[in-house]
Amino acid sequence: YDAYYRRAQRVRTLLIRDFAAAYERFDVLLAPTS
């Protein structure tokens, strides 16, 4: 659990923080879909 699931949830938290920082600078973001 700690080695996999909990670590994945930590990555999720870091990703949410990355987006929060990006949206302080930008109104929207662009990326490929597929």
PDB file of all heavy atoms in Angstrom:
ATOM      1  N   TYR A   1       0.824  -1.210   0.000  1.00  0.00           N
ATOM      2  CA  TYR A   1       0.000   0.000   0.000  1.00  0.00           C
ATOM      3  C   TYR A   1       0.860   1.264   0.000  1.00  0.00           C
ATOM      4  O   TYR A   1       0.670   2.161  -0.825  1.00  0.00           O
ATOM      5  CB  TYR A   1      -0.929  -0.023   1.217  1.00  0.00           C
ATOM      6  CG  TYR A   1      -1.881   1.136   1.320  1.00  0.00           C
ATOM      7  CD1 TYR A   1      -3.165   1.055   0.790  1.00  0.00           C
ATOM      8  CD2 TYR A   1      -1.505   2.319   1.962  1.00  0.00           C
ATOM      9  CE1 TYR A   1      -4.043   2.107   0.892  1.00  0.00           C
ATOM     10  CE2 TYR A   1      -2.375   3.377   2.066  1.00  0.00           C
ATOM     11  CZ  TYR A   1      -3.645   3.273   1.530  1.00  0.00           C
ATOM     12  OH  TYR A   1      -4.513   4.333   1.626  1.00  0.00           O
ATOM     13  N   ASP A   2       1.821   1.331   0.918  1.00  0.00           N
ATOM     14  CA  ASP A   2       2.665   2.519   0.993  1.00  0.00           C
ATOM     15  C   ASP A   2       3.551   2.667  -0.229  1.00  0.00           C
ATOM     16  O   ASP A   2       3.762   3.777  -0.728  1.00  0.00           O
ATOM     17  CB  ASP A   2       3.523   2.471   2.259  1.00  0.00           C
ATOM     18  CG  ASP A   2       2.719   2.735   3.524  1.00  0.00           C
ATOM     19  OD1 ASP A   2       1.620   3.308   3.401  1.00  0.00           O
ATOM     20  OD2 ASP A   2       3.179   2.369   4.615  1.00  0.00           O
ATOM     21  N   ALA A   3       4.074   1.568  -0.709  1.00  0.00           N
ATOM     22  CA  ALA A   3       5.025   1.612  -1.823  1.00  0.00           C
ATOM     23  C   ALA A   3       4.357   2.008  -3.126  1.00  0.00           C
ATOM     24  O   ALA A   3       5.013   2.623  -3.988  1.00  0.00           O
ATOM     25  CB  ALA A   3       5.705   0.264  -1.982  1.00  0.00           C
ATOM     26  N   TYR A   4       3.079   1.690  -3.291  1.00  0.00           N
ATOM     27  CA  TYR A   4       2.412   1.934  -4.566  1.00  0.00           C
ATOM     28  C   TYR A   4       1.247   2.925  -4.452  1.00  0.00           C
ATOM     29  O   TYR A   4       1.314   4.036  -4.965  1.00  0.00           O
ATOM     30  CB  TYR A   4       1.947   0.605  -5.170  1.00  0.00           C
ATOM     31  CG  TYR A   4       3.098  -0.277  -5.557  1.00  0.00           C
ATOM     32  CD1 TYR A   4       3.440  -1.389  -4.794  1.00  0.00           C
ATOM     33  CD2 TYR A   4       3.871   0.009  -6.682  1.00  0.00           C
ATOM     34  CE1 TYR A   4       4.505  -2.201  -5.144  1.00  0.00           C
ATOM     35  CE2 TYR A   4       4.937  -0.792  -7.040  1.00  0.00           C
ATOM     36  CZ  TYR A   4       5.251  -1.898  -6.262  1.00  0.00           C
ATOM     37  OH  TYR A   4       6.311  -2.678  -6.608  1.00  0.00           O
ATOM     38  N   TYR A   5       0.169   2.529  -3.783  1.00  0.00           N
ATOM     39  CA  TYR A   5      -1.025   3.364  -3.781  1.00  0.00           C
ATOM     40  C   TYR A   5      -0.781   4.710  -3.101  1.00  0.00           C
ATOM     41  O   TYR A   5      -1.123   5.760  -3.641  1.00  0.00           O
ATOM     42  CB  TYR A   5      -2.174   2.618  -3.104  1.00  0.00           C
ATOM     43  CG  TYR A   5      -3.470   3.407  -3.094  1.00  0.00           C
ATOM     44  CD1 TYR A   5      -4.227   3.535  -4.258  1.00  0.00           C
ATOM     45  CD2 TYR A   5      -3.919   4.034  -1.932  1.00  0.00           C
ATOM     46  CE1 TYR A   5      -5.408   4.266  -4.268  1.00  0.00           C
ATOM     47  CE2 TYR A   5      -5.095   4.763  -1.934  1.00  0.00           C
ATOM     48  CZ  TYR A   5      -5.829   4.874  -3.102  1.00  0.00           C
ATOM     49  OH  TYR A   5      -6.989   5.602  -3.106  1.00  0.00           O
ATOM     50  N   ARG A   6      -0.180   4.692  -1.907  1.00  0.00           N
ATOM     51  CA  ARG A   6       0.046   5.949  -1.206  1.00  0.00           C
ATOM     52  C   ARG A   6       1.004   6.852  -1.996  1.00  0.00           C
ATOM     53  O   ARG A   6       0.803   8.063  -2.072  1.00  0.00           O
ATOM     54  CB  ARG A   6       0.600   5.695   0.192  1.00  0.00           C
ATOM     55  CG  ARG A   6       0.644   6.964   1.054  1.00  0.00           C
ATOM     56  CD  ARG A   6       1.300   6.703   2.396  1.00  0.00           C
ATOM     57  NE  ARG A   6       0.571   5.729   3.188  1.00  0.00           N
ATOM     58  CZ  ARG A   6      -0.474   6.030   3.958  1.00  0.00           C
ATOM     59  NH1 ARG A   6      -0.917   7.275   4.017  1.00  0.00           N
ATOM     60  NH2 ARG A   6      -1.079   5.101   4.661  1.00  0.00           N
ATOM     61  N   ARG A   7       2.007   6.266  -2.597  1.00  0.00           N
ATOM     62  CA  ARG A   7       2.950   7.070  -3.389  1.00  0.00           C
ATOM     63  C   ARG A   7       2.246   7.668  -4.606  1.00  0.00           C
ATOM     64  O   ARG A   7       2.495   8.825  -4.977  1.00  0.00           O
ATOM     65  CB  ARG A   7       4.127   6.206  -3.828  1.00  0.00           C
ATOM     66  CG  ARG A   7       5.186   6.968  -4.604  1.00  0.00           C
ATOM     67  CD  ARG A   7       6.418   6.132  -4.858  1.00  0.00           C
ATOM     68  NE  ARG A   7       7.131   5.847  -3.612  1.00  0.00           N
ATOM     69  CZ  ARG A   7       8.280   5.187  -3.562  1.00  0.00           C
ATOM     70  NH1 ARG A   7       8.823   4.733  -4.691  1.00  0.00           N
ATOM     71  NH2 ARG A   7       8.879   4.973  -2.410  1.00  0.00           N
ATOM     72  N   ALA A   8       1.356   6.901  -5.232  1.00  0.00           N
ATOM     73  CA  ALA A   8       0.614   7.428  -6.384  1.00  0.00           C
ATOM     74  C   ALA A   8      -0.259   8.606  -5.963  1.00  0.00           C
ATOM     75  O   ALA A   8      -0.384   9.601  -6.694  1.00  0.00           O
ATOM     76  CB  ALA A   8      -0.240   6.325  -7.002  1.00  0.00           C
ATOM     77  N   GLN A   9      -0.859   8.522  -4.784  1.00  0.00           N
ATOM     78  CA  GLN A   9      -1.685   9.635  -4.307  1.00  0.00           C
ATOM     79  C   GLN A   9      -0.834  10.864  -4.009  1.00  0.00           C
ATOM     80  O   GLN A   9      -1.287  12.000  -4.193  1.00  0.00           O
ATOM     81  CB  GLN A   9      -2.466   9.218  -3.064  1.00  0.00           C
ATOM     82  CG  GLN A   9      -3.576   8.194  -3.332  1.00  0.00           C
ATOM     83  CD  GLN A   9      -4.777   8.790  -4.068  1.00  0.00           C
ATOM     84  OE1 GLN A   9      -4.719   9.876  -4.634  1.00  0.00           O
ATOM     85  NE2 GLN A   9      -5.877   8.051  -4.084  1.00  0.00           N
ATOM     86  N   ARG A  10       0.390  10.661  -3.590  1.00  0.00           N
ATOM     87  CA  ARG A  10       1.291  11.795  -3.378  1.00  0.00           C
ATOM     88  C   ARG A  10       1.630  12.473  -4.689  1.00  0.00           C
ATOM     89  O   ARG A  10       1.695  13.707  -4.776  1.00  0.00           O
ATOM     90  CB  ARG A  10       2.562  11.325  -2.666  1.00  0.00           C
ATOM     91  CG  ARG A  10       2.348  10.968  -1.197  1.00  0.00           C
ATOM     92  CD  ARG A  10       3.586  10.345  -0.599  1.00  0.00           C
ATOM     93  NE  ARG A  10       3.391  10.042   0.823  1.00  0.00           N
ATOM     94  CZ  ARG A  10       4.185   9.247   1.534  1.00  0.00           C
ATOM     95  NH1 ARG A  10       5.234   8.680   0.948  1.00  0.00           N
ATOM     96  NH2 ARG A  10       3.940   9.032   2.816  1.00  0.00           N
ATOM     97  N   VAL A  11       1.845  11.668  -5.724  1.00  0.00           N
ATOM     98  CA  VAL A  11       2.084  12.239  -7.053  1.00  0.00           C
ATOM     99  C   VAL A  11       0.864  13.038  -7.505  1.00  0.00           C
ATOM    100  O   VAL A  11       0.996  14.127  -8.082  1.00  0.00           O
ATOM    101  CB  VAL A  11       2.424  11.132  -8.072  1.00  0.00           C
ATOM    102  CG1 VAL A  11       2.448  11.677  -9.498  1.00  0.00           C
ATOM    103  CG2 VAL A  11       3.757  10.482  -7.733  1.00  0.00           C
ATOM    104  N   ARG A  12      -0.311  12.515  -7.218  1.00  0.00           N
ATOM    105  CA  ARG A  12      -1.542  13.232  -7.574  1.00  0.00           C
ATOM    106  C   ARG A  12      -1.578  14.600  -6.892  1.00  0.00           C
ATOM    107  O   ARG A  12      -1.931  15.612  -7.518  1.00  0.00           O
ATOM    108  CB  ARG A  12      -2.746  12.393  -7.171  1.00  0.00           C
ATOM    109  CG  ARG A  12      -4.090  12.966  -7.596  1.00  0.00           C
ATOM    110  CD  ARG A  12      -5.216  12.043  -7.163  1.00  0.00           C
ATOM    111  NE  ARG A  12      -6.468  12.393  -7.815  1.00  0.00           N
ATOM    112  CZ  ARG A  12      -7.592  11.691  -7.688  1.00  0.00           C
ATOM    113  NH1 ARG A  12      -7.612  10.601  -6.926  1.00  0.00           N
ATOM    114  NH2 ARG A  12      -8.689  12.057  -8.315  1.00  0.00           N
ATOM    115  N   THR A  13      -1.202  14.649  -5.629  1.00  0.00           N
ATOM    116  CA  THR A  13      -1.169  15.914  -4.903  1.00  0.00           C
ATOM    117  C   THR A  13      -0.168  16.880  -5.527  1.00  0.00           C
ATOM    118  O   THR A  13      -0.451  18.077  -5.691  1.00  0.00           O
ATOM    119  CB  THR A  13      -0.826  15.677  -3.426  1.00  0.00           C
ATOM    120  OG1 THR A  13      -1.834  14.858  -2.838  1.00  0.00           O
ATOM    121  CG2 THR A  13      -0.728  16.988  -2.660  1.00  0.00           C
ATOM    122  N   LEU A  14       1.000  16.379  -5.884  1.00  0.00           N
ATOM    123  CA  LEU A  14       2.013  17.224  -6.520  1.00  0.00           C
ATOM    124  C   LEU A  14       1.519  17.751  -7.869  1.00  0.00           C
ATOM    125  O   LEU A  14       1.776  18.912  -8.221  1.00  0.00           O
ATOM    126  CB  LEU A  14       3.313  16.445  -6.696  1.00  0.00           C
ATOM    127  CG  LEU A  14       4.043  16.071  -5.407  1.00  0.00           C
ATOM    128  CD1 LEU A  14       5.203  15.121  -5.703  1.00  0.00           C
ATOM    129  CD2 LEU A  14       4.542  17.320  -4.684  1.00  0.00           C
ATOM    130  N   LEU A  15       0.810  16.921  -8.613  1.00  0.00           N
ATOM    131  CA  LEU A  15       0.258  17.347  -9.896  1.00  0.00           C
ATOM    132  C   LEU A  15      -0.773  18.457  -9.690  1.00  0.00           C
ATOM    133  O   LEU A  15      -0.790  19.458 -10.432  1.00  0.00           O
ATOM    134  CB  LEU A  15      -0.373  16.159 -10.616  1.00  0.00           C
ATOM    135  CG  LEU A  15      -1.045  16.445 -11.956  1.00  0.00           C
ATOM    136  CD1 LEU A  15      -0.025  16.909 -12.986  1.00  0.00           C
ATOM    137  CD2 LEU A  15      -1.782  15.210 -12.469  1.00  0.00           C
ATOM    138  N   ILE A  16      -1.631  18.306  -8.695  1.00  0.00           N
ATOM    139  CA  ILE A  16      -2.629  19.343  -8.402  1.00  0.00           C
ATOM    140  C   ILE A  16      -1.935  20.654  -8.050  1.00  0.00           C
ATOM    141  O   ILE A  16      -2.357  21.741  -8.480  1.00  0.00           O
ATOM    142  CB  ILE A  16      -3.556  18.874  -7.260  1.00  0.00           C
ATOM    143  CG1 ILE A  16      -4.439  17.714  -7.745  1.00  0.00           C
ATOM    144  CG2 ILE A  16      -4.427  20.022  -6.743  1.00  0.00           C
ATOM    145  CD1 ILE A  16      -5.220  17.026  -6.640  1.00  0.00           C
ATOM    146  N   ARG A  17      -0.841  20.580  -7.300  1.00  0.00           N
ATOM    147  CA  ARG A  17      -0.086  21.787  -6.961  1.00  0.00           C
ATOM    148  C   ARG A  17       0.539  22.409  -8.204  1.00  0.00           C
ATOM    149  O   ARG A  17       0.581  23.638  -8.337  1.00  0.00           O
ATOM    150  CB  ARG A  17       0.991  21.454  -5.930  1.00  0.00           C
ATOM    151  CG  ARG A  17       0.437  21.092  -4.554  1.00  0.00           C
ATOM    152  CD  ARG A  17       1.539  20.660  -3.613  1.00  0.00           C
ATOM    153  NE  ARG A  17       1.016  20.299  -2.298  1.00  0.00           N
ATOM    154  CZ  ARG A  17       1.742  19.735  -1.335  1.00  0.00           C
ATOM    155  NH1 ARG A  17       3.033  19.476  -1.551  1.00  0.00           N
ATOM    156  NH2 ARG A  17       1.182  19.429  -0.168  1.00  0.00           N
ATOM    157  N   ASP A  18       1.033  21.567  -9.118  1.00  0.00           N
ATOM    158  CA  ASP A  18       1.589  22.083 -10.377  1.00  0.00           C
ATOM    159  C   ASP A  18       0.531  22.863 -11.150  1.00  0.00           C
ATOM    160  O   ASP A  18       0.803  23.958 -11.673  1.00  0.00           O
ATOM    161  CB  ASP A  18       2.096  20.928 -11.249  1.00  0.00           C
ATOM    162  CG  ASP A  18       3.383  20.313 -10.742  1.00  0.00           C
ATOM    163  OD1 ASP A  18       4.023  20.903  -9.855  1.00  0.00           O
ATOM    164  OD2 ASP A  18       3.744  19.230 -11.249  1.00  0.00           O
ATOM    165  N   PHE A  19      -0.663  22.292 -11.242  1.00  0.00           N
ATOM    166  CA  PHE A  19      -1.734  22.980 -11.966  1.00  0.00           C
ATOM    167  C   PHE A  19      -2.105  24.286 -11.271  1.00  0.00           C
ATOM    168  O   PHE A  19      -2.349  25.307 -11.926  1.00  0.00           O
ATOM    169  CB  PHE A  19      -2.964  22.083 -12.083  1.00  0.00           C
ATOM    170  CG  PHE A  19      -2.957  21.165 -13.273  1.00  0.00           C
ATOM    171  CD1 PHE A  19      -2.973  19.790 -13.124  1.00  0.00           C
ATOM    172  CD2 PHE A  19      -2.941  21.673 -14.562  1.00  0.00           C
ATOM    173  CE1 PHE A  19      -2.975  18.934 -14.215  1.00  0.00           C
ATOM    174  CE2 PHE A  19      -2.941  20.840 -15.672  1.00  0.00           C
ATOM    175  CZ  PHE A  19      -2.943  19.460 -15.499  1.00  0.00           C
ATOM    176  N   ALA A  20      -2.157  24.264  -9.948  1.00  0.00           N
ATOM    177  CA  ALA A  20      -2.494  25.488  -9.215  1.00  0.00           C
ATOM    178  C   ALA A  20      -1.486  26.590  -9.518  1.00  0.00           C
ATOM    179  O   ALA A  20      -1.863  27.759  -9.729  1.00  0.00           O
ATOM    180  CB  ALA A  20      -2.540  25.198  -7.716  1.00  0.00           C
ATOM    181  N   ALA A  21      -0.210  26.231  -9.575  1.00  0.00           N
ATOM    182  CA  ALA A  21       0.819  27.215  -9.896  1.00  0.00           C
ATOM    183  C   ALA A  21       0.674  27.713 -11.332  1.00  0.00           C
ATOM    184  O   ALA A  21       0.829  28.914 -11.608  1.00  0.00           O
ATOM    185  CB  ALA A  21       2.201  26.601  -9.683  1.00  0.00           C
ATOM    186  N   ALA A  22       0.358  26.787 -12.254  1.00  0.00           N
ATOM    187  CA  ALA A  22       0.193  27.185 -13.654  1.00  0.00           C
ATOM    188  C   ALA A  22      -0.990  28.126 -13.826  1.00  0.00           C
ATOM    189  O   ALA A  22      -0.911  29.107 -14.591  1.00  0.00           O
ATOM    190  CB  ALA A  22       0.018  25.945 -14.531  1.00  0.00           C
ATOM    191  N   TYR A  23      -2.079  27.869 -13.113  1.00  0.00           N
ATOM    192  CA  TYR A  23      -3.263  28.712 -13.272  1.00  0.00           C
ATOM    193  C   TYR A  23      -3.146  30.051 -12.559  1.00  0.00           C
ATOM    194  O   TYR A  23      -4.009  30.913 -12.722  1.00  0.00           O
ATOM    195  CB  TYR A  23      -4.512  27.945 -12.837  1.00  0.00           C
ATOM    196  CG  TYR A  23      -4.919  26.872 -13.815  1.00  0.00           C
ATOM    197  CD1 TYR A  23      -5.093  25.556 -13.415  1.00  0.00           C
ATOM    198  CD2 TYR A  23      -5.096  27.183 -15.162  1.00  0.00           C
ATOM    199  CE1 TYR A  23      -5.447  24.564 -14.323  1.00  0.00           C
ATOM    200  CE2 TYR A  23      -5.445  26.199 -16.078  1.00  0.00           C
ATOM    201  CZ  TYR A  23      -5.620  24.893 -15.654  1.00  0.00           C
ATOM    202  OH  TYR A  23      -5.960  23.916 -16.559  1.00  0.00           O
ATOM    203  N   GLU A  24      -2.100  30.246 -11.782  1.00  0.00           N
ATOM    204  CA  GLU A  24      -1.813  31.585 -11.277  1.00  0.00           C
ATOM    205  C   GLU A  24      -1.281  32.477 -12.392  1.00  0.00           C
ATOM    206  O   GLU A  24      -1.431  33.697 -12.352  1.00  0.00           O
ATOM    207  CB  GLU A  24      -0.800  31.511 -10.133  1.00  0.00           C
ATOM    208  CG  GLU A  24      -1.365  30.928  -8.851  1.00  0.00           C
ATOM    209  CD  GLU A  24      -0.336  30.888  -7.748  1.00  0.00           C
ATOM    210  OE1 GLU A  24       0.832  31.301  -8.001  1.00  0.00           O
ATOM    211  OE2 GLU A  24      -0.666  30.432  -6.644  1.00  0.00           O
ATOM    212  N   ARG A  25      -0.676  31.836 -13.406  1.00  0.00           N
ATOM    213  CA  ARG A  25      -0.102  32.578 -14.532  1.00  0.00           C
ATOM    214  C   ARG A  25      -1.002  32.590 -15.755  1.00  0.00           C
ATOM    215  O   ARG A  25      -0.919  33.508 -16.578  1.00  0.00           O
ATOM    216  CB  ARG A  25       1.251  31.971 -14.936  1.00  0.00           C
ATOM    217  CG  ARG A  25       2.349  32.085 -13.908  1.00  0.00           C
ATOM    218  CD  ARG A  25       3.635  31.529 -14.482  1.00  0.00           C
ATOM    219  NE  ARG A  25       3.969  32.193 -15.755  1.00  0.00           N
ATOM    220  CZ  ARG A  25       4.639  31.597 -16.745  1.00  0.00           C
ATOM    221  NH1 ARG A  25       5.013  30.341 -16.637  1.00  0.00           N
ATOM    222  NH2 ARG A  25       4.902  32.263 -17.852  1.00  0.00           N
ATOM    223  N   PHE A  26      -1.841  31.546 -15.882  1.00  0.00           N
ATOM    224  CA  PHE A  26      -2.611  31.383 -17.113  1.00  0.00           C
ATOM    225  C   PHE A  26      -4.093  31.174 -16.819  1.00  0.00           C
ATOM    226  O   PHE A  26      -4.464  30.607 -15.793  1.00  0.00           O
ATOM    227  CB  PHE A  26      -2.082  30.189 -17.915  1.00  0.00           C
ATOM    228  CG  PHE A  26      -0.639  30.292 -18.305  1.00  0.00           C
ATOM    229  CD1 PHE A  26       0.336  29.567 -17.631  1.00  0.00           C
ATOM    230  CD2 PHE A  26      -0.251  31.133 -19.343  1.00  0.00           C
ATOM    231  CE1 PHE A  26       1.661  29.662 -17.987  1.00  0.00           C
ATOM    232  CE2 PHE A  26       1.083  31.239 -19.703  1.00  0.00           C
ATOM    233  CZ  PHE A  26       2.048  30.507 -19.017  1.00  0.00           C
ATOM    234  N   ASP A  27      -4.933  31.634 -17.771  1.00  0.00           N
ATOM    235  CA  ASP A  27      -6.376  31.406 -17.673  1.00  0.00           C
ATOM    236  C   ASP A  27      -6.749  30.011 -18.147  1.00  0.00           C
ATOM    237  O   ASP A  27      -7.648  29.370 -17.592  1.00  0.00           O
ATOM    238  CB  ASP A  27      -7.122  32.454 -18.500  1.00  0.00           C
ATOM    239  CG  ASP A  27      -6.869  33.864 -18.002  1.00  0.00           C
ATOM    240  OD1 ASP A  27      -7.211  34.140 -16.839  1.00  0.00           O
ATOM    241  OD2 ASP A  27      -6.321  34.679 -18.773  1.00  0.00           O
ATOM    242  N   VAL A  28      -6.096  29.552 -19.203  1.00  0.00           N
ATOM    243  CA  VAL A  28      -6.317  28.205 -19.738  1.00  0.00           C
ATOM    244  C   VAL A  28      -4.974  27.642 -20.180  1.00  0.00           C
ATOM    245  O   VAL A  28      -3.991  28.373 -20.355  1.00  0.00           O
ATOM    246  CB  VAL A  28      -7.296  28.187 -20.936  1.00  0.00           C
ATOM    247  CG1 VAL A  28      -8.678  28.667 -20.542  1.00  0.00           C
ATOM    248  CG2 VAL A  28      -6.744  28.982 -22.104  1.00  0.00           C
ATOM    249  N   LEU A  29      -4.962  26.320 -20.397  1.00  0.00           N
ATOM    250  CA  LEU A  29      -3.773  25.646 -20.898  1.00  0.00           C
ATOM    251  C   LEU A  29      -4.126  24.894 -22.171  1.00  0.00           C
ATOM    252  O   LEU A  29      -5.273  24.494 -22.378  1.00  0.00           O
ATOM    253  CB  LEU A  29      -3.234  24.671 -19.852  1.00  0.00           C
ATOM    254  CG  LEU A  29      -2.846  25.271 -18.491  1.00  0.00           C
ATOM    255  CD1 LEU A  29      -2.494  24.169 -17.505  1.00  0.00           C
ATOM    256  CD2 LEU A  29      -1.702  26.255 -18.647  1.00  0.00           C
ATOM    257  N   LEU A  30      -3.133  24.690 -23.036  1.00  0.00           N
ATOM    258  CA  LEU A  30      -3.295  23.923 -24.271  1.00  0.00           C
ATOM    259  C   LEU A  30      -2.385  22.703 -24.234  1.00  0.00           C
ATOM    260  O   LEU A  30      -1.280  22.767 -23.684  1.00  0.00           O
ATOM    261  CB  LEU A  30      -2.922  24.761 -25.497  1.00  0.00           C
ATOM    262  CG  LEU A  30      -3.876  25.826 -26.031  1.00  0.00           C
ATOM    263  CD1 LEU A  30      -3.329  26.376 -27.338  1.00  0.00           C
ATOM    264  CD2 LEU A  30      -5.274  25.278 -26.226  1.00  0.00           C
ATOM    265  N   ALA A  31      -2.843  21.624 -24.842  1.00  0.00           N
ATOM    266  CA  ALA A  31      -2.051  20.395 -24.918  1.00  0.00           C
ATOM    267  C   ALA A  31      -2.618  19.512 -26.024  1.00  0.00           C
ATOM    268  O   ALA A  31      -3.739  19.744 -26.496  1.00  0.00           O
ATOM    269  CB  ALA A  31      -2.086  19.648 -23.585  1.00  0.00           C
ATOM    270  N   PRO A  32      -1.887  18.498 -26.442  1.00  0.00           N
ATOM    271  CA  PRO A  32      -2.490  17.493 -27.324  1.00  0.00           C
ATOM    272  C   PRO A  32      -3.604  16.755 -26.582  1.00  0.00           C
ATOM    273  O   PRO A  32      -3.605  16.699 -25.345  1.00  0.00           O
ATOM    274  CB  PRO A  32      -1.326  16.541 -27.633  1.00  0.00           C
ATOM    275  CG  PRO A  32      -0.088  17.265 -27.234  1.00  0.00           C
ATOM    276  CD  PRO A  32      -0.480  18.200 -26.134  1.00  0.00           C
ATOM    277  N   THR A  33      -4.530  16.194 -27.314  1.00  0.00           N
ATOM    278  CA  THR A  33      -5.518  15.307 -26.705  1.00  0.00           C
ATOM    279  C   THR A  33      -5.018  13.877 -26.752  1.00  0.00           C
ATOM    280  O   THR A  33      -4.858  13.223 -25.725  1.00  0.00           O
ATOM    281  CB  THR A  33      -6.869  15.402 -27.418  1.00  0.00           C
ATOM    282  OG1 THR A  33      -7.298  16.757 -27.486  1.00  0.00           O
ATOM    283  CG2 THR A  33      -7.914  14.580 -26.684  1.00  0.00           C
ATOM    284  N   SER A  34      -4.758  13.373 -27.933  1.00  0.00           N
ATOM    285  CA  SER A  34      -4.173  12.043 -28.110  1.00  0.00           C
ATOM    286  C   SER A  34      -2.781  12.211 -28.694  1.00  0.00           C
ATOM    287  O   SER A  34      -2.564  13.075 -29.548  1.00  0.00           O
ATOM    288  CB  SER A  34      -5.037  11.207 -29.066  1.00  0.00           C
ATOM    289  OG  SER A  34      -4.365  10.019 -29.443  1.00  0.00           O
TER     290      SER A  34
END
